[in-house]
């Protein structure tokens, strides 16, 4: 089920856009297996529907990013989920 959903939505989402999402599952995040500090997590499946919201730039929430120094990544290695990826240009 995860593979089908991942393939279906891989090219759909773009940073800075707002989406209407239906038929997804929203639940309290299991902090034991998370490296991000969100209280909730959303899971999509092959029946989920995603639609970009046109002209709703004001609805984009402010993103909170917690940077971790490379020499402090040890506790995050071998976690059960991926670390959020963010880049910073100097």
PDB file of N, CA and C in Angstrom:
ATOM      1  N   UNK A   1       0.824  -1.189   0.000  1.00  0.00           N
ATOM      2  CA  UNK A   1       0.000   0.000   0.000  1.00  0.00           C
ATOM      3  C   UNK A   1       0.872   1.258   0.000  1.00  0.00           C
ATOM      4  N   UNK A   2       1.923   1.299   0.820  1.00  0.00           N
ATOM      5  CA  UNK A   2       2.779   2.484   0.879  1.00  0.00           C
ATOM      6  C   UNK A   2       3.437   2.755  -0.468  1.00  0.00           C
ATOM      7  N   UNK A   3       3.940   1.705  -1.121  1.00  0.00           N
ATOM      8  CA  UNK A   3       4.634   1.891  -2.397  1.00  0.00           C
ATOM      9  C   UNK A   3       3.734   2.517  -3.446  1.00  0.00           C
ATOM     10  N   UNK A   4       2.484   2.068  -3.522  1.00  0.00           N
ATOM     11  CA  UNK A   4       1.552   2.610  -4.502  1.00  0.00           C
ATOM     12  C   UNK A   4       1.282   4.084  -4.232  1.00  0.00           C
ATOM     13  N   UNK A   5       1.074   4.434  -2.966  1.00  0.00           N
ATOM     14  CA  UNK A   5       0.821   5.831  -2.609  1.00  0.00           C
ATOM     15  C   UNK A   5       2.057   6.687  -2.877  1.00  0.00           C
ATOM     16  N   UNK A   6       3.231   6.168  -2.555  1.00  0.00           N
ATOM     17  CA  UNK A   6       4.464   6.918  -2.790  1.00  0.00           C
ATOM     18  C   UNK A   6       4.648   7.199  -4.278  1.00  0.00           C
ATOM     19  N   UNK A   7       4.381   6.218  -5.114  1.00  0.00           N
ATOM     20  CA  UNK A   7       4.491   6.412  -6.562  1.00  0.00           C
ATOM     21  C   UNK A   7       3.454   7.406  -7.062  1.00  0.00           C
ATOM     22  N   UNK A   8       2.231   7.310  -6.540  1.00  0.00           N
ATOM     23  CA  UNK A   8       1.135   8.170  -6.989  1.00  0.00           C
ATOM     24  C   UNK A   8       1.395   9.640  -6.666  1.00  0.00           C
ATOM     25  N   UNK A   9       1.954   9.926  -5.488  1.00  0.00           N
ATOM     26  CA  UNK A   9       2.072  11.307  -5.034  1.00  0.00           C
ATOM     27  C   UNK A   9       3.485  11.881  -5.100  1.00  0.00           C
ATOM     28  N   UNK A  10       4.456  11.113  -5.559  1.00  0.00           N
ATOM     29  CA  UNK A  10       5.849  11.565  -5.561  1.00  0.00           C
ATOM     30  C   UNK A  10       6.030  12.897  -6.287  1.00  0.00           C
ATOM     31  N   UNK A  11       5.430  13.045  -7.455  1.00  0.00           N
ATOM     32  CA  UNK A  11       5.604  14.255  -8.268  1.00  0.00           C
ATOM     33  C   UNK A  11       4.531  15.309  -8.021  1.00  0.00           C
ATOM     34  N   UNK A  12       3.610  15.055  -7.108  1.00  0.00           N
ATOM     35  CA  UNK A  12       2.483  15.963  -6.896  1.00  0.00           C
ATOM     36  C   UNK A  12       2.838  17.144  -5.999  1.00  0.00           C
ATOM     37  N   UNK A  13       3.520  16.883  -4.898  1.00  0.00           N
ATOM     38  CA  UNK A  13       3.757  17.919  -3.898  1.00  0.00           C
ATOM     39  C   UNK A  13       4.956  18.790  -4.239  1.00  0.00           C
ATOM     40  N   UNK A  14       4.792  20.108  -4.011  1.00  0.00           N
ATOM     41  CA  UNK A  14       5.865  21.071  -4.212  1.00  0.00           C
ATOM     42  C   UNK A  14       5.911  22.002  -3.013  1.00  0.00           C
ATOM     43  N   UNK A  15       7.113  22.361  -2.588  1.00  0.00           N
ATOM     44  CA  UNK A  15       7.277  23.305  -1.481  1.00  0.00           C
ATOM     45  C   UNK A  15       6.622  24.631  -1.847  1.00  0.00           C
ATOM     46  N   UNK A  16       5.965  25.248  -0.872  1.00  0.00           N
ATOM     47  CA  UNK A  16       5.369  26.561  -1.073  1.00  0.00           C
ATOM     48  C   UNK A  16       3.965  26.548  -1.622  1.00  0.00           C
ATOM     49  N   UNK A  17       3.405  25.375  -1.851  1.00  0.00           N
ATOM     50  CA  UNK A  17       2.032  25.288  -2.350  1.00  0.00           C
ATOM     51  C   UNK A  17       1.114  24.764  -1.254  1.00  0.00           C
ATOM     52  N   UNK A  18      -0.176  25.074  -1.392  1.00  0.00           N
ATOM     53  CA  UNK A  18      -1.195  24.635  -0.442  1.00  0.00           C
ATOM     54  C   UNK A  18      -2.070  23.607  -1.147  1.00  0.00           C
ATOM     55  N   UNK A  19      -2.480  22.571  -0.403  1.00  0.00           N
ATOM     56  CA  UNK A  19      -3.242  21.479  -1.004  1.00  0.00           C
ATOM     57  C   UNK A  19      -4.491  21.152  -0.198  1.00  0.00           C
ATOM     58  N   UNK A  20      -5.530  20.725  -0.907  1.00  0.00           N
ATOM     59  CA  UNK A  20      -6.681  20.081  -0.290  1.00  0.00           C
ATOM     60  C   UNK A  20      -6.380  18.588  -0.329  1.00  0.00           C
ATOM     61  N   UNK A  21      -6.491  17.915   0.805  1.00  0.00           N
ATOM     62  CA  UNK A  21      -6.213  16.481   0.862  1.00  0.00           C
ATOM     63  C   UNK A  21      -7.421  15.781   1.456  1.00  0.00           C
ATOM     64  N   UNK A  22      -7.908  14.748   0.764  1.00  0.00           N
ATOM     65  CA  UNK A  22      -9.020  13.952   1.269  1.00  0.00           C
ATOM     66  C   UNK A  22      -8.623  12.482   1.282  1.00  0.00           C
ATOM     67  N   UNK A  23      -9.300  11.741   2.114  1.00  0.00           N
ATOM     68  CA  UNK A  23      -9.103  10.295   2.244  1.00  0.00           C
ATOM     69  C   UNK A  23      -7.697   9.929   2.707  1.00  0.00           C
ATOM     70  N   UNK A  24      -7.103  10.800   3.525  1.00  0.00           N
ATOM     71  CA  UNK A  24      -5.835  10.494   4.176  1.00  0.00           C
ATOM     72  C   UNK A  24      -6.127  10.163   5.627  1.00  0.00           C
ATOM     73  N   UNK A  25      -5.127   9.734   6.361  1.00  0.00           N
ATOM     74  CA  UNK A  25      -5.285   9.408   7.776  1.00  0.00           C
ATOM     75  C   UNK A  25      -4.437  10.375   8.587  1.00  0.00           C
ATOM     76  N   UNK A  26      -5.065  11.049   9.556  1.00  0.00           N
ATOM     77  CA  UNK A  26      -4.369  11.968  10.441  1.00  0.00           C
ATOM     78  C   UNK A  26      -4.386  11.381  11.837  1.00  0.00           C
ATOM     79  N   UNK A  27      -3.204  11.289  12.453  1.00  0.00           N
ATOM     80  CA  UNK A  27      -3.137  10.724  13.801  1.00  0.00           C
ATOM     81  C   UNK A  27      -2.035  11.413  14.597  1.00  0.00           C
ATOM     82  N   UNK A  28      -2.059  11.214  15.899  1.00  0.00           N
ATOM     83  CA  UNK A  28      -1.027  11.767  16.766  1.00  0.00           C
ATOM     84  C   UNK A  28       0.300  11.105  16.413  1.00  0.00           C
ATOM     85  N   UNK A  29       1.332  11.916  16.258  1.00  0.00           N
ATOM     86  CA  UNK A  29       2.645  11.399  15.874  1.00  0.00           C
ATOM     87  C   UNK A  29       3.256  10.587  17.005  1.00  0.00           C
ATOM     88  N   UNK A  30       3.877   9.486  16.641  1.00  0.00           N
ATOM     89  CA  UNK A  30       4.607   8.668  17.599  1.00  0.00           C
ATOM     90  C   UNK A  30       6.005   9.264  17.717  1.00  0.00           C
ATOM     91  N   UNK A  31       6.244  10.043  18.761  1.00  0.00           N
ATOM     92  CA  UNK A  31       7.507  10.769  18.924  1.00  0.00           C
ATOM     93  C   UNK A  31       8.709   9.836  19.040  1.00  0.00           C
ATOM     94  N   UNK A  32       8.485   8.596  19.423  1.00  0.00           N
ATOM     95  CA  UNK A  32       9.583   7.638  19.554  1.00  0.00           C
ATOM     96  C   UNK A  32      10.259   7.382  18.210  1.00  0.00           C
ATOM     97  N   UNK A  33       9.495   7.458  17.136  1.00  0.00           N
ATOM     98  CA  UNK A  33      10.022   7.131  15.814  1.00  0.00           C
ATOM     99  C   UNK A  33      10.104   8.347  14.899  1.00  0.00           C
ATOM    100  N   UNK A  34      10.087   9.548  15.458  1.00  0.00           N
ATOM    101  CA  UNK A  34      10.112  10.753  14.640  1.00  0.00           C
ATOM    102  C   UNK A  34      11.359  11.568  14.925  1.00  0.00           C
ATOM    103  N   UNK A  35      11.868  12.212  13.903  1.00  0.00           N
ATOM    104  CA  UNK A  35      12.978  13.139  14.082  1.00  0.00           C
ATOM    105  C   UNK A  35      12.512  14.576  13.877  1.00  0.00           C
ATOM    106  N   UNK A  36      11.253  14.762  13.558  1.00  0.00           N
ATOM    107  CA  UNK A  36      10.675  16.099  13.433  1.00  0.00           C
ATOM    108  C   UNK A  36       9.792  16.360  14.640  1.00  0.00           C
ATOM    109  N   UNK A  37       9.475  17.624  14.886  1.00  0.00           N
ATOM    110  CA  UNK A  37       8.737  17.965  16.091  1.00  0.00           C
ATOM    111  C   UNK A  37       7.279  18.303  15.803  1.00  0.00           C
ATOM    112  N   UNK A  38       6.633  17.532  14.985  1.00  0.00           N
ATOM    113  CA  UNK A  38       5.219  17.740  14.695  1.00  0.00           C
ATOM    114  C   UNK A  38       4.381  16.926  15.661  1.00  0.00           C
ATOM    115  N   UNK A  39       3.232  17.463  16.054  1.00  0.00           N
ATOM    116  CA  UNK A  39       2.347  16.741  16.962  1.00  0.00           C
ATOM    117  C   UNK A  39       1.496  15.709  16.233  1.00  0.00           C
ATOM    118  N   UNK A  40       1.304  15.899  14.937  1.00  0.00           N
ATOM    119  CA  UNK A  40       0.454  15.002  14.151  1.00  0.00           C
ATOM    120  C   UNK A  40       1.188  14.557  12.899  1.00  0.00           C
ATOM    121  N   UNK A  41       0.766  13.426  12.353  1.00  0.00           N
ATOM    122  CA  UNK A  41       1.307  12.958  11.087  1.00  0.00           C
ATOM    123  C   UNK A  41       0.157  12.537  10.189  1.00  0.00           C
ATOM    124  N   UNK A  42       0.339  12.752   8.893  1.00  0.00           N
ATOM    125  CA  UNK A  42      -0.680  12.387   7.915  1.00  0.00           C
ATOM    126  C   UNK A  42      -0.127  11.286   7.030  1.00  0.00           C
ATOM    127  N   UNK A  43      -0.934  10.278   6.805  1.00  0.00           N
ATOM    128  CA  UNK A  43      -0.556   9.178   5.931  1.00  0.00           C
ATOM    129  C   UNK A  43      -1.523   9.156   4.754  1.00  0.00           C
ATOM    130  N   UNK A  44      -0.973   9.057   3.553  1.00  0.00           N
ATOM    131  CA  UNK A  44      -1.793   8.947   2.353  1.00  0.00           C
ATOM    132  C   UNK A  44      -1.729   7.518   1.853  1.00  0.00           C
ATOM    133  N   UNK A  45      -2.799   7.091   1.195  1.00  0.00           N
ATOM    134  CA  UNK A  45      -2.811   5.768   0.581  1.00  0.00           C
ATOM    135  C   UNK A  45      -3.244   5.918  -0.868  1.00  0.00           C
ATOM    136  N   UNK A  46      -3.367   4.812  -1.576  1.00  0.00           N
ATOM    137  CA  UNK A  46      -3.689   4.898  -3.005  1.00  0.00           C
ATOM    138  C   UNK A  46      -5.079   5.465  -3.268  1.00  0.00           C
ATOM    139  N   UNK A  47      -5.952   5.533  -2.259  1.00  0.00           N
ATOM    140  CA  UNK A  47      -7.286   6.110  -2.420  1.00  0.00           C
ATOM    141  C   UNK A  47      -7.340   7.590  -2.051  1.00  0.00           C
ATOM    142  N   UNK A  48      -6.257   8.131  -1.520  1.00  0.00           N
ATOM    143  CA  UNK A  48      -6.216   9.540  -1.129  1.00  0.00           C
ATOM    144  C   UNK A  48      -6.299  10.420  -2.370  1.00  0.00           C
ATOM    145  N   UNK A  49      -6.810  11.630  -2.166  1.00  0.00           N
ATOM    146  CA  UNK A  49      -6.920  12.592  -3.259  1.00  0.00           C
ATOM    147  C   UNK A  49      -6.241  13.886  -2.841  1.00  0.00           C
ATOM    148  N   UNK A  50      -5.468  14.461  -3.758  1.00  0.00           N
ATOM    149  CA  UNK A  50      -4.734  15.693  -3.488  1.00  0.00           C
ATOM    150  C   UNK A  50      -5.029  16.672  -4.614  1.00  0.00           C
ATOM    151  N   UNK A  51      -5.380  17.908  -4.214  1.00  0.00           N
ATOM    152  CA  UNK A  51      -5.681  18.949  -5.199  1.00  0.00           C
ATOM    153  C   UNK A  51      -4.982  20.234  -4.764  1.00  0.00           C
ATOM    154  N   UNK A  52      -4.247  20.861  -5.677  1.00  0.00           N
ATOM    155  CA  UNK A  52      -3.571  22.110  -5.353  1.00  0.00           C
ATOM    156  C   UNK A  52      -4.613  23.213  -5.203  1.00  0.00           C
ATOM    157  N   UNK A  53      -4.421  24.094  -4.223  1.00  0.00           N
ATOM    158  CA  UNK A  53      -5.328  25.213  -3.981  1.00  0.00           C
ATOM    159  C   UNK A  53      -4.804  26.405  -4.769  1.00  0.00           C
ATOM    160  N   UNK A  54      -5.630  26.930  -5.660  1.00  0.00           N
ATOM    161  CA  UNK A  54      -5.228  28.067  -6.483  1.00  0.00           C
ATOM    162  C   UNK A  54      -5.441  29.374  -5.723  1.00  0.00           C
ATOM    163  N   UNK A  55      -4.510  30.299  -5.859  1.00  0.00           N
ATOM    164  CA  UNK A  55      -4.631  31.648  -5.294  1.00  0.00           C
ATOM    165  C   UNK A  55      -4.828  31.674  -3.792  1.00  0.00           C
ATOM    166  N   UNK A  56      -4.183  30.800  -3.077  1.00  0.00           N
ATOM    167  CA  UNK A  56      -4.322  30.767  -1.620  1.00  0.00           C
ATOM    168  C   UNK A  56      -2.964  30.927  -0.942  1.00  0.00           C
ATOM    169  N   UNK A  57      -2.118  31.791  -1.482  1.00  0.00           N
ATOM    170  CA  UNK A  57      -0.774  31.964  -0.926  1.00  0.00           C
ATOM    171  C   UNK A  57      -0.806  32.399   0.533  1.00  0.00           C
ATOM    172  N   UNK A  58      -1.854  33.094   0.957  1.00  0.00           N
ATOM    173  CA  UNK A  58      -1.949  33.562   2.344  1.00  0.00           C
ATOM    174  C   UNK A  58      -2.136  32.412   3.325  1.00  0.00           C
ATOM    175  N   UNK A  59      -2.524  31.235   2.845  1.00  0.00           N
ATOM    176  CA  UNK A  59      -2.764  30.096   3.722  1.00  0.00           C
ATOM    177  C   UNK A  59      -1.512  29.276   4.011  1.00  0.00           C
ATOM    178  N   UNK A  60      -0.402  29.617   3.399  1.00  0.00           N
ATOM    179  CA  UNK A  60       0.815  28.833   3.591  1.00  0.00           C
ATOM    180  C   UNK A  60       1.349  29.077   4.998  1.00  0.00           C
ATOM    181  N   UNK A  61       1.452  28.030   5.808  1.00  0.00           N
ATOM    182  CA  UNK A  61       1.949  28.211   7.175  1.00  0.00           C
ATOM    183  C   UNK A  61       3.452  28.462   7.195  1.00  0.00           C
ATOM    184  N   UNK A  62       3.908  29.110   8.237  1.00  0.00           N
ATOM    185  CA  UNK A  62       5.334  29.350   8.408  1.00  0.00           C
ATOM    186  C   UNK A  62       6.005  28.040   8.795  1.00  0.00           C
ATOM    187  N   UNK A  63       7.091  27.702   8.122  1.00  0.00           N
ATOM    188  CA  UNK A  63       7.791  26.452   8.380  1.00  0.00           C
ATOM    189  C   UNK A  63       8.809  26.634   9.497  1.00  0.00           C
ATOM    190  N   UNK A  64       8.814  25.688  10.424  1.00  0.00           N
ATOM    191  CA  UNK A  64       9.812  25.691  11.489  1.00  0.00           C
ATOM    192  C   UNK A  64      10.859  24.638  11.141  1.00  0.00           C
ATOM    193  N   UNK A  65      12.115  25.044  11.150  1.00  0.00           N
ATOM    194  CA  UNK A  65      13.195  24.132  10.797  1.00  0.00           C
ATOM    195  C   UNK A  65      14.174  24.054  11.964  1.00  0.00           C
ATOM    196  N   UNK A  66      14.507  22.855  12.361  1.00  0.00           N
ATOM    197  CA  UNK A  66      15.511  22.633  13.396  1.00  0.00           C
ATOM    198  C   UNK A  66      16.750  22.052  12.731  1.00  0.00           C
ATOM    199  N   UNK A  67      17.781  22.872  12.592  1.00  0.00           N
ATOM    200  CA  UNK A  67      19.012  22.413  11.972  1.00  0.00           C
ATOM    201  C   UNK A  67      19.844  21.640  12.987  1.00  0.00           C
ATOM    202  N   UNK A  68      20.510  20.601  12.515  1.00  0.00           N
ATOM    203  CA  UNK A  68      21.377  19.782  13.356  1.00  0.00           C
ATOM    204  C   UNK A  68      22.759  19.786  12.718  1.00  0.00           C
ATOM    205  N   UNK A  69      23.763  20.079  13.531  1.00  0.00           N
ATOM    206  CA  UNK A  69      25.138  20.058  13.028  1.00  0.00           C
ATOM    207  C   UNK A  69      25.506  18.624  12.632  1.00  0.00           C
ATOM    208  N   UNK A  70      26.319  18.489  11.607  1.00  0.00           N
ATOM    209  CA  UNK A  70      26.709  17.163  11.127  1.00  0.00           C
ATOM    210  C   UNK A  70      27.342  16.344  12.240  1.00  0.00           C
ATOM    211  N   UNK A  71      28.163  16.975  13.074  1.00  0.00           N
ATOM    212  CA  UNK A  71      28.818  16.220  14.142  1.00  0.00           C
ATOM    213  C   UNK A  71      27.861  15.820  15.266  1.00  0.00           C
ATOM    214  N   UNK A  72      26.604  16.260  15.191  1.00  0.00           N
ATOM    215  CA  UNK A  72      25.605  15.900  16.198  1.00  0.00           C
ATOM    216  C   UNK A  72      24.507  14.993  15.634  1.00  0.00           C
ATOM    217  N   UNK A  73      24.733  14.430  14.454  1.00  0.00           N
ATOM    218  CA  UNK A  73      23.725  13.583  13.811  1.00  0.00           C
ATOM    219  C   UNK A  73      23.651  12.170  14.378  1.00  0.00           C
ATOM    220  N   UNK A  74      24.613  11.765  15.170  1.00  0.00           N
ATOM    221  CA  UNK A  74      24.669  10.406  15.699  1.00  0.00           C
ATOM    222  C   UNK A  74      23.354   9.872  16.230  1.00  0.00           C
ATOM    223  N   UNK A  75      22.641  10.599  17.099  1.00  0.00           N
ATOM    224  CA  UNK A  75      21.380  10.085  17.643  1.00  0.00           C
ATOM    225  C   UNK A  75      20.295   9.854  16.586  1.00  0.00           C
ATOM    226  N   UNK A  76      20.439  10.484  15.401  1.00  0.00           N
ATOM    227  CA  UNK A  76      19.422  10.348  14.366  1.00  0.00           C
ATOM    228  C   UNK A  76      19.688   9.183  13.419  1.00  0.00           C
ATOM    229  N   UNK A  77      20.888   8.651  13.423  1.00  0.00           N
ATOM    230  CA  UNK A  77      21.245   7.547  12.534  1.00  0.00           C
ATOM    231  C   UNK A  77      20.504   6.291  12.970  1.00  0.00           C
ATOM    232  N   UNK A  78      20.046   5.523  11.998  1.00  0.00           N
ATOM    233  CA  UNK A  78      19.314   4.278  12.211  1.00  0.00           C
ATOM    234  C   UNK A  78      17.928   4.505  12.798  1.00  0.00           C
ATOM    235  N   UNK A  79      17.397   5.724  12.666  1.00  0.00           N
ATOM    236  CA  UNK A  79      16.015   5.966  13.081  1.00  0.00           C
ATOM    237  C   UNK A  79      15.098   5.224  12.122  1.00  0.00           C
ATOM    238  N   UNK A  80      13.869   4.958  12.543  1.00  0.00           N
ATOM    239  CA  UNK A  80      12.936   4.182  11.736  1.00  0.00           C
ATOM    240  C   UNK A  80      12.325   4.990  10.603  1.00  0.00           C
ATOM    241  N   UNK A  81      12.421   6.321  10.655  1.00  0.00           N
ATOM    242  CA  UNK A  81      11.887   7.149   9.582  1.00  0.00           C
ATOM    243  C   UNK A  81      12.969   8.092   9.088  1.00  0.00           C
ATOM    244  N   UNK A  82      12.744   8.668   7.931  1.00  0.00           N
ATOM    245  CA  UNK A  82      13.721   9.563   7.332  1.00  0.00           C
ATOM    246  C   UNK A  82      13.753  10.901   8.049  1.00  0.00           C
ATOM    247  N   UNK A  83      14.894  11.533   8.024  1.00  0.00           N
ATOM    248  CA  UNK A  83      15.038  12.882   8.555  1.00  0.00           C
ATOM    249  C   UNK A  83      14.541  13.846   7.490  1.00  0.00           C
ATOM    250  N   UNK A  84      13.831  14.893   7.907  1.00  0.00           N
ATOM    251  CA  UNK A  84      13.404  15.913   6.954  1.00  0.00           C
ATOM    252  C   UNK A  84      14.627  16.477   6.259  1.00  0.00           C
ATOM    253  N   UNK A  85      14.504  16.734   4.974  1.00  0.00           N
ATOM    254  CA  UNK A  85      15.610  17.293   4.221  1.00  0.00           C
ATOM    255  C   UNK A  85      15.342  18.760   3.946  1.00  0.00           C
ATOM    256  N   UNK A  86      16.280  19.598   4.295  1.00  0.00           N
ATOM    257  CA  UNK A  86      16.213  21.026   4.014  1.00  0.00           C
ATOM    258  C   UNK A  86      17.596  21.444   3.553  1.00  0.00           C
ATOM    259  N   UNK A  87      17.654  22.419   2.679  1.00  0.00           N
ATOM    260  CA  UNK A  87      18.951  22.903   2.240  1.00  0.00           C
ATOM    261  C   UNK A  87      19.035  24.392   2.504  1.00  0.00           C
ATOM    262  N   UNK A  88      20.239  24.863   2.654  1.00  0.00           N
ATOM    263  CA  UNK A  88      20.471  26.278   2.913  1.00  0.00           C
ATOM    264  C   UNK A  88      21.587  26.732   2.003  1.00  0.00           C
ATOM    265  N   UNK A  89      21.342  27.800   1.250  1.00  0.00           N
ATOM    266  CA  UNK A  89      22.369  28.331   0.364  1.00  0.00           C
ATOM    267  C   UNK A  89      23.080  29.465   1.071  1.00  0.00           C
ATOM    268  N   UNK A  90      24.388  29.477   0.980  1.00  0.00           N
ATOM    269  CA  UNK A  90      25.183  30.556   1.597  1.00  0.00           C
ATOM    270  C   UNK A  90      25.628  31.537   0.558  1.00  0.00           C
TER     271      UNK A  90
END
